[in-house]
Amino acid sequence: MVRLHPHAKERLAERGATEQEVTATIEGGEPFPAKFGRTGFRRNFAFTALWRGKQYATKQIEAYATKETDDWLVITIVTRYF
């Protein structure tokens, strides 16, 4: 199960991500080691839309999470467009 920390939930709209995309990133993205003993997950999504007035083809989400029992708690997210 994937849960979002309140900080991560606050960042969704401002960074252009959805809760479903973050869950998909944790479940099917590429894991990598992150600071503070956390795990980062990275996944690209087809975007082909405007973000802040500019057209992009791809949206990349990085979710930083910590393992809690059987759940992943997502602490924050970063979104890149290219």
PDB file of N, CA and C in Angstrom:
ATOM      1  N   MET A   1       0.840  -1.184   0.000  1.00  0.00           N
ATOM      2  CA  MET A   1       0.000   0.000   0.000  1.00  0.00           C
ATOM      3  C   MET A   1       0.885   1.246   0.000  1.00  0.00           C
ATOM      4  N   VAL A   2       0.433   2.272  -0.685  1.00  0.00           N
ATOM      5  CA  VAL A   2       1.152   3.543  -0.768  1.00  0.00           C
ATOM      6  C   VAL A   2       0.319   4.613  -0.072  1.00  0.00           C
ATOM      7  N   ARG A   3       0.953   5.303   0.878  1.00  0.00           N
ATOM      8  CA  ARG A   3       0.287   6.400   1.582  1.00  0.00           C
ATOM      9  C   ARG A   3       1.076   7.678   1.343  1.00  0.00           C
ATOM     10  N   LEU A   4       0.391   8.813   1.321  1.00  0.00           N
ATOM     11  CA  LEU A   4       1.050  10.098   1.115  1.00  0.00           C
ATOM     12  C   LEU A   4       1.054  10.905   2.406  1.00  0.00           C
ATOM     13  N   HIS A   5       2.229  11.374   2.792  1.00  0.00           N
ATOM     14  CA  HIS A   5       2.388  12.285   3.912  1.00  0.00           C
ATOM     15  C   HIS A   5       1.657  13.586   3.549  1.00  0.00           C
ATOM     16  N   PRO A   6       1.132  14.327   4.521  1.00  0.00           N
ATOM     17  CA  PRO A   6       0.466  15.601   4.205  1.00  0.00           C
ATOM     18  C   PRO A   6       1.328  16.548   3.365  1.00  0.00           C
ATOM     19  N   HIS A   7       2.641  16.561   3.596  1.00  0.00           N
ATOM     20  CA  HIS A   7       3.538  17.398   2.787  1.00  0.00           C
ATOM     21  C   HIS A   7       3.466  16.995   1.312  1.00  0.00           C
ATOM     22  N   ALA A   8       3.498  15.694   1.044  1.00  0.00           N
ATOM     23  CA  ALA A   8       3.434  15.216  -0.342  1.00  0.00           C
ATOM     24  C   ALA A   8       2.094  15.577  -0.969  1.00  0.00           C
ATOM     25  N   LYS A   9       1.009  15.448  -0.219  1.00  0.00           N
ATOM     26  CA  LYS A   9      -0.320  15.798  -0.748  1.00  0.00           C
ATOM     27  C   LYS A   9      -0.392  17.272  -1.118  1.00  0.00           C
ATOM     28  N   GLU A  10       0.222  18.123  -0.306  1.00  0.00           N
ATOM     29  CA  GLU A  10       0.233  19.559  -0.601  1.00  0.00           C
ATOM     30  C   GLU A  10       0.996  19.865  -1.884  1.00  0.00           C
ATOM     31  N   ARG A  11       1.992  19.075  -2.199  1.00  0.00           N
ATOM     32  CA  ARG A  11       2.836  19.330  -3.367  1.00  0.00           C
ATOM     33  C   ARG A  11       2.228  18.834  -4.678  1.00  0.00           C
ATOM     34  N   LEU A  12       1.239  17.955  -4.623  1.00  0.00           N
ATOM     35  CA  LEU A  12       0.670  17.368  -5.843  1.00  0.00           C
ATOM     36  C   LEU A  12       0.237  18.430  -6.844  1.00  0.00           C
ATOM     37  N   ALA A  13      -0.691  19.301  -6.455  1.00  0.00           N
ATOM     38  CA  ALA A  13      -1.238  20.289  -7.390  1.00  0.00           C
ATOM     39  C   ALA A  13      -0.180  21.292  -7.838  1.00  0.00           C
ATOM     40  N   GLU A  14       0.657  21.752  -6.904  1.00  0.00           N
ATOM     41  CA  GLU A  14       1.638  22.766  -7.284  1.00  0.00           C
ATOM     42  C   GLU A  14       2.702  22.221  -8.220  1.00  0.00           C
ATOM     43  N   ARG A  15       2.886  20.898  -8.223  1.00  0.00           N
ATOM     44  CA  ARG A  15       3.899  20.292  -9.092  1.00  0.00           C
ATOM     45  C   ARG A  15       3.293  19.522 -10.255  1.00  0.00           C
ATOM     46  N   GLY A  16       1.973  19.535 -10.371  1.00  0.00           N
ATOM     47  CA  GLY A  16       1.307  18.960 -11.529  1.00  0.00           C
ATOM     48  C   GLY A  16       1.217  17.450 -11.540  1.00  0.00           C
ATOM     49  N   ALA A  17       1.162  16.829 -10.394  1.00  0.00           N
ATOM     50  CA  ALA A  17       1.073  15.364 -10.317  1.00  0.00           C
ATOM     51  C   ALA A  17      -0.263  14.957  -9.702  1.00  0.00           C
ATOM     52  N   THR A  18      -0.629  13.709  -9.919  1.00  0.00           N
ATOM     53  CA  THR A  18      -1.836  13.164  -9.288  1.00  0.00           C
ATOM     54  C   THR A  18      -1.438  12.063  -8.313  1.00  0.00           C
ATOM     55  N   GLU A  19      -2.329  11.769  -7.406  1.00  0.00           N
ATOM     56  CA  GLU A  19      -2.074  10.698  -6.450  1.00  0.00           C
ATOM     57  C   GLU A  19      -1.908   9.364  -7.179  1.00  0.00           C
ATOM     58  N   GLN A  20      -2.663   9.157  -8.253  1.00  0.00           N
ATOM     59  CA  GLN A  20      -2.564   7.924  -9.036  1.00  0.00           C
ATOM     60  C   GLN A  20      -1.195   7.803  -9.698  1.00  0.00           C
ATOM     61  N   GLU A  21      -0.661   8.898 -10.214  1.00  0.00           N
ATOM     62  CA  GLU A  21       0.666   8.865 -10.825  1.00  0.00           C
ATOM     63  C   GLU A  21       1.750   8.563  -9.784  1.00  0.00           C
ATOM     64  N   VAL A  22       1.607   9.113  -8.594  1.00  0.00           N
ATOM     65  CA  VAL A  22       2.590   8.851  -7.537  1.00  0.00           C
ATOM     66  C   VAL A  22       2.537   7.377  -7.141  1.00  0.00           C
ATOM     67  N   THR A  23       1.337   6.846  -6.996  1.00  0.00           N
ATOM     68  CA  THR A  23       1.195   5.421  -6.660  1.00  0.00           C
ATOM     69  C   THR A  23       1.811   4.557  -7.750  1.00  0.00           C
ATOM     70  N   ALA A  24       1.547   4.890  -9.019  1.00  0.00           N
ATOM     71  CA  ALA A  24       2.126   4.130 -10.130  1.00  0.00           C
ATOM     72  C   ALA A  24       3.648   4.235 -10.137  1.00  0.00           C
ATOM     73  N   THR A  25       4.180   5.380  -9.723  1.00  0.00           N
ATOM     74  CA  THR A  25       5.626   5.565  -9.661  1.00  0.00           C
ATOM     75  C   THR A  25       6.234   4.660  -8.592  1.00  0.00           C
ATOM     76  N   ILE A  26       5.602   4.584  -7.441  1.00  0.00           N
ATOM     77  CA  ILE A  26       6.103   3.709  -6.369  1.00  0.00           C
ATOM     78  C   ILE A  26       5.993   2.245  -6.784  1.00  0.00           C
ATOM     79  N   GLU A  27       4.866   1.874  -7.382  1.00  0.00           N
ATOM     80  CA  GLU A  27       4.623   0.466  -7.711  1.00  0.00           C
ATOM     81  C   GLU A  27       5.395  -0.015  -8.941  1.00  0.00           C
ATOM     82  N   GLY A  28       5.664   0.879  -9.906  1.00  0.00           N
ATOM     83  CA  GLY A  28       6.288   0.417 -11.139  1.00  0.00           C
ATOM     84  C   GLY A  28       7.477   1.219 -11.611  1.00  0.00           C
ATOM     85  N   GLY A  29       7.909   2.173 -10.792  1.00  0.00           N
ATOM     86  CA  GLY A  29       9.028   3.019 -11.193  1.00  0.00           C
ATOM     87  C   GLY A  29      10.367   2.398 -10.846  1.00  0.00           C
ATOM     88  N   GLU A  30      11.419   3.086 -11.278  1.00  0.00           N
ATOM     89  CA  GLU A  30      12.791   2.642 -11.021  1.00  0.00           C
ATOM     90  C   GLU A  30      13.223   3.133  -9.643  1.00  0.00           C
ATOM     91  N   PRO A  31      13.546   2.217  -8.720  1.00  0.00           N
ATOM     92  CA  PRO A  31      13.990   2.651  -7.391  1.00  0.00           C
ATOM     93  C   PRO A  31      15.458   3.071  -7.395  1.00  0.00           C
ATOM     94  N   PHE A  32      15.795   3.996  -6.519  1.00  0.00           N
ATOM     95  CA  PHE A  32      17.186   4.412  -6.338  1.00  0.00           C
ATOM     96  C   PHE A  32      17.374   4.883  -4.899  1.00  0.00           C
ATOM     97  N   PRO A  33      18.585   4.774  -4.368  1.00  0.00           N
ATOM     98  CA  PRO A  33      18.825   5.209  -2.991  1.00  0.00           C
ATOM     99  C   PRO A  33      18.738   6.731  -2.889  1.00  0.00           C
ATOM    100  N   ALA A  34      18.189   7.202  -1.774  1.00  0.00           N
ATOM    101  CA  ALA A  34      18.041   8.641  -1.545  1.00  0.00           C
ATOM    102  C   ALA A  34      18.599   8.993  -0.162  1.00  0.00           C
ATOM    103  N   LYS A  35      18.658  10.270   0.135  1.00  0.00           N
ATOM    104  CA  LYS A  35      19.171  10.745   1.417  1.00  0.00           C
ATOM    105  C   LYS A  35      18.314  10.271   2.580  1.00  0.00           C
ATOM    106  N   PHE A  36      18.910  10.264   3.736  1.00  0.00           N
ATOM    107  CA  PHE A  36      18.227   9.964   4.997  1.00  0.00           C
ATOM    108  C   PHE A  36      17.641   8.554   5.040  1.00  0.00           C
ATOM    109  N   GLY A  37      18.249   7.626   4.307  1.00  0.00           N
ATOM    110  CA  GLY A  37      17.786   6.246   4.314  1.00  0.00           C
ATOM    111  C   GLY A  37      16.493   6.010   3.564  1.00  0.00           C
ATOM    112  N   ARG A  38      16.076   6.971   2.793  1.00  0.00           N
ATOM    113  CA  ARG A  38      14.837   6.843   2.029  1.00  0.00           C
ATOM    114  C   ARG A  38      15.126   6.188   0.682  1.00  0.00           C
ATOM    115  N   THR A  39      14.051   5.850   0.000  1.00  0.00           N
ATOM    116  CA  THR A  39      14.153   5.302  -1.345  1.00  0.00           C
ATOM    117  C   THR A  39      13.436   6.252  -2.295  1.00  0.00           C
ATOM    118  N   GLY A  40      14.091   6.562  -3.400  1.00  0.00           N
ATOM    119  CA  GLY A  40      13.455   7.351  -4.444  1.00  0.00           C
ATOM    120  C   GLY A  40      12.953   6.417  -5.527  1.00  0.00           C
ATOM    121  N   PHE A  41      11.872   6.820  -6.161  1.00  0.00           N
ATOM    122  CA  PHE A  41      11.315   6.083  -7.291  1.00  0.00           C
ATOM    123  C   PHE A  41      11.103   7.076  -8.422  1.00  0.00           C
ATOM    124  N   ARG A  42      11.468   6.666  -9.646  1.00  0.00           N
ATOM    125  CA  ARG A  42      11.385   7.555 -10.808  1.00  0.00           C
ATOM    126  C   ARG A  42      10.592   6.858 -11.904  1.00  0.00           C
ATOM    127  N   ARG A  43       9.680   7.607 -12.528  1.00  0.00           N
ATOM    128  CA  ARG A  43       8.916   7.043 -13.643  1.00  0.00           C
ATOM    129  C   ARG A  43       8.523   8.160 -14.604  1.00  0.00           C
ATOM    130  N   ASN A  44       8.597   7.864 -15.896  1.00  0.00           N
ATOM    131  CA  ASN A  44       8.188   8.804 -16.934  1.00  0.00           C
ATOM    132  C   ASN A  44       6.765   8.492 -17.385  1.00  0.00           C
ATOM    133  N   PHE A  45       6.012   9.544 -17.657  1.00  0.00           N
ATOM    134  CA  PHE A  45       4.646   9.429 -18.160  1.00  0.00           C
ATOM    135  C   PHE A  45       4.523  10.244 -19.443  1.00  0.00           C
ATOM    136  N   ALA A  46       3.797   9.719 -20.412  1.00  0.00           N
ATOM    137  CA  ALA A  46       3.491  10.500 -21.612  1.00  0.00           C
ATOM    138  C   ALA A  46       2.637  11.681 -21.163  1.00  0.00           C
ATOM    139  N   PHE A  47       2.953  12.863 -21.637  1.00  0.00           N
ATOM    140  CA  PHE A  47       2.252  14.059 -21.162  1.00  0.00           C
ATOM    141  C   PHE A  47       1.560  14.799 -22.302  1.00  0.00           C
ATOM    142  N   THR A  48       2.302  15.194 -23.333  1.00  0.00           N
ATOM    143  CA  THR A  48       1.791  15.917 -24.502  1.00  0.00           C
ATOM    144  C   THR A  48       0.719  16.944 -24.146  1.00  0.00           C
ATOM    145  N   ALA A  49       1.101  17.884 -23.287  1.00  0.00           N
ATOM    146  CA  ALA A  49       0.179  18.935 -22.858  1.00  0.00           C
ATOM    147  C   ALA A  49       0.984  20.166 -22.450  1.00  0.00           C
ATOM    148  N   LEU A  50       0.246  21.189 -22.058  1.00  0.00           N
ATOM    149  CA  LEU A  50       0.876  22.414 -21.588  1.00  0.00           C
ATOM    150  C   LEU A  50       1.083  22.354 -20.083  1.00  0.00           C
ATOM    151  N   TRP A  51       2.225  22.846 -19.644  1.00  0.00           N
ATOM    152  CA  TRP A  51       2.473  23.051 -18.216  1.00  0.00           C
ATOM    153  C   TRP A  51       3.069  24.433 -18.075  1.00  0.00           C
ATOM    154  N   ARG A  52       2.352  25.295 -17.380  1.00  0.00           N
ATOM    155  CA  ARG A  52       2.772  26.686 -17.181  1.00  0.00           C
ATOM    156  C   ARG A  52       3.124  27.372 -18.495  1.00  0.00           C
ATOM    157  N   GLY A  53       2.245  27.160 -19.481  1.00  0.00           N
ATOM    158  CA  GLY A  53       2.360  27.856 -20.747  1.00  0.00           C
ATOM    159  C   GLY A  53       3.322  27.266 -21.756  1.00  0.00           C
ATOM    160  N   LYS A  54       3.924  26.144 -21.469  1.00  0.00           N
ATOM    161  CA  LYS A  54       4.876  25.541 -22.395  1.00  0.00           C
ATOM    162  C   LYS A  54       4.470  24.094 -22.676  1.00  0.00           C
ATOM    163  N   GLN A  55       4.647  23.672 -23.917  1.00  0.00           N
ATOM    164  CA  GLN A  55       4.282  22.313 -24.346  1.00  0.00           C
ATOM    165  C   GLN A  55       5.392  21.320 -23.995  1.00  0.00           C
ATOM    166  N   TYR A  56       5.005  20.196 -23.397  1.00  0.00           N
ATOM    167  CA  TYR A  56       5.957  19.138 -23.058  1.00  0.00           C
ATOM    168  C   TYR A  56       5.409  17.792 -23.514  1.00  0.00           C
ATOM    169  N   ALA A  57       6.304  16.868 -23.817  1.00  0.00           N
ATOM    170  CA  ALA A  57       5.908  15.526 -24.249  1.00  0.00           C
ATOM    171  C   ALA A  57       5.941  14.516 -23.107  1.00  0.00           C
ATOM    172  N   THR A  58       6.776  14.779 -22.105  1.00  0.00           N
ATOM    173  CA  THR A  58       6.981  13.807 -21.034  1.00  0.00           C
ATOM    174  C   THR A  58       6.939  14.488 -19.676  1.00  0.00           C
ATOM    175  N   LYS A  59       6.323  13.799 -18.731  1.00  0.00           N
ATOM    176  CA  LYS A  59       6.336  14.229 -17.328  1.00  0.00           C
ATOM    177  C   LYS A  59       7.049  13.142 -16.539  1.00  0.00           C
ATOM    178  N   GLN A  60       8.069  13.524 -15.776  1.00  0.00           N
ATOM    179  CA  GLN A  60       8.796  12.568 -14.938  1.00  0.00           C
ATOM    180  C   GLN A  60       8.489  12.867 -13.476  1.00  0.00           C
ATOM    181  N   ILE A  61       8.097  11.833 -12.759  1.00  0.00           N
ATOM    182  CA  ILE A  61       7.813  11.984 -11.342  1.00  0.00           C
ATOM    183  C   ILE A  61       8.860  11.228 -10.551  1.00  0.00           C
ATOM    184  N   GLU A  62       9.395  11.897  -9.546  1.00  0.00           N
ATOM    185  CA  GLU A  62      10.261  11.261  -8.559  1.00  0.00           C
ATOM    186  C   GLU A  62       9.515  11.341  -7.239  1.00  0.00           C
ATOM    187  N   ALA A  63       9.334  10.191  -6.613  1.00  0.00           N
ATOM    188  CA  ALA A  63       8.686  10.126  -5.308  1.00  0.00           C
ATOM    189  C   ALA A  63       9.706   9.616  -4.306  1.00  0.00           C
ATOM    190  N   TYR A  64       9.830  10.310  -3.184  1.00  0.00           N
ATOM    191  CA  TYR A  64      10.764   9.925  -2.131  1.00  0.00           C
ATOM    192  C   TYR A  64       9.965   9.363  -0.969  1.00  0.00           C
ATOM    193  N   ALA A  65      10.277   8.117  -0.614  1.00  0.00           N
ATOM    194  CA  ALA A  65       9.443   7.405   0.356  1.00  0.00           C
ATOM    195  C   ALA A  65      10.284   6.643   1.364  1.00  0.00           C
ATOM    196  N   THR A  66       9.626   6.275   2.431  1.00  0.00           N
ATOM    197  CA  THR A  66      10.235   5.437   3.451  1.00  0.00           C
ATOM    198  C   THR A  66       9.323   4.235   3.681  1.00  0.00           C
ATOM    199  N   LYS A  67       9.920   3.104   3.953  1.00  0.00           N
ATOM    200  CA  LYS A  67       9.158   1.867   4.166  1.00  0.00           C
ATOM    201  C   LYS A  67       8.676   1.825   5.613  1.00  0.00           C
ATOM    202  N   GLU A  68       7.383   1.645   5.798  1.00  0.00           N
ATOM    203  CA  GLU A  68       6.785   1.506   7.128  1.00  0.00           C
ATOM    204  C   GLU A  68       5.995   0.208   7.147  1.00  0.00           C
ATOM    205  N   THR A  69       6.526  -0.786   7.825  1.00  0.00           N
ATOM    206  CA  THR A  69       5.955  -2.140   7.847  1.00  0.00           C
ATOM    207  C   THR A  69       5.798  -2.610   6.403  1.00  0.00           C
ATOM    208  N   ASP A  70       4.577  -2.785   5.920  1.00  0.00           N
ATOM    209  CA  ASP A  70       4.364  -3.226   4.539  1.00  0.00           C
ATOM    210  C   ASP A  70       3.991  -2.082   3.606  1.00  0.00           C
ATOM    211  N   ASP A  71       3.914  -0.857   4.125  1.00  0.00           N
ATOM    212  CA  ASP A  71       3.478   0.296   3.343  1.00  0.00           C
ATOM    213  C   ASP A  71       4.664   1.185   2.968  1.00  0.00           C
ATOM    214  N   TRP A  72       4.489   1.927   1.878  1.00  0.00           N
ATOM    215  CA  TRP A  72       5.415   2.994   1.529  1.00  0.00           C
ATOM    216  C   TRP A  72       4.757   4.304   1.921  1.00  0.00           C
ATOM    217  N   LEU A  73       5.459   5.135   2.684  1.00  0.00           N
ATOM    218  CA  LEU A  73       4.989   6.469   3.020  1.00  0.00           C
ATOM    219  C   LEU A  73       5.764   7.464   2.162  1.00  0.00           C
ATOM    220  N   VAL A  74       5.058   8.118   1.252  1.00  0.00           N
ATOM    221  CA  VAL A  74       5.685   9.085   0.349  1.00  0.00           C
ATOM    222  C   VAL A  74       5.826  10.404   1.100  1.00  0.00           C
ATOM    223  N   ILE A  75       7.069  10.867   1.220  1.00  0.00           N
ATOM    224  CA  ILE A  75       7.369  12.085   1.958  1.00  0.00           C
ATOM    225  C   ILE A  75       7.217  13.314   1.067  1.00  0.00           C
ATOM    226  N   THR A  76       7.755  13.254  -0.135  1.00  0.00           N
ATOM    227  CA  THR A  76       7.645  14.375  -1.072  1.00  0.00           C
ATOM    228  C   THR A  76       7.772  13.873  -2.492  1.00  0.00           C
ATOM    229  N   ILE A  77       7.434  14.740  -3.428  1.00  0.00           N
ATOM    230  CA  ILE A  77       7.556  14.406  -4.852  1.00  0.00           C
ATOM    231  C   ILE A  77       8.220  15.557  -5.591  1.00  0.00           C
ATOM    232  N   VAL A  78       8.860  15.207  -6.691  1.00  0.00           N
ATOM    233  CA  VAL A  78       9.446  16.192  -7.601  1.00  0.00           C
ATOM    234  C   VAL A  78       8.947  15.839  -8.993  1.00  0.00           C
ATOM    235  N   THR A  79       8.541  16.841  -9.743  1.00  0.00           N
ATOM    236  CA  THR A  79       8.047  16.615 -11.103  1.00  0.00           C
ATOM    237  C   THR A  79       8.902  17.400 -12.082  1.00  0.00           C
ATOM    238  N   ARG A  80       9.314  16.731 -13.152  1.00  0.00           N
ATOM    239  CA  ARG A  80      10.080  17.389 -14.224  1.00  0.00           C
ATOM    240  C   ARG A  80       9.321  17.202 -15.533  1.00  0.00           C
ATOM    241  N   TYR A  81       9.401  18.216 -16.348  1.00  0.00           N
ATOM    242  CA  TYR A  81       8.759  18.166 -17.664  1.00  0.00           C
ATOM    243  C   TYR A  81       9.815  18.334 -18.733  1.00  0.00           C
ATOM    244  N   PHE A  82       9.747  17.520 -19.778  1.00  0.00           N
ATOM    245  CA  PHE A  82      10.688  17.669 -20.890  1.00  0.00           C
ATOM    246  C   PHE A  82      10.077  17.089 -22.155  1.00  0.00           C
TER     247      PHE A  82
END
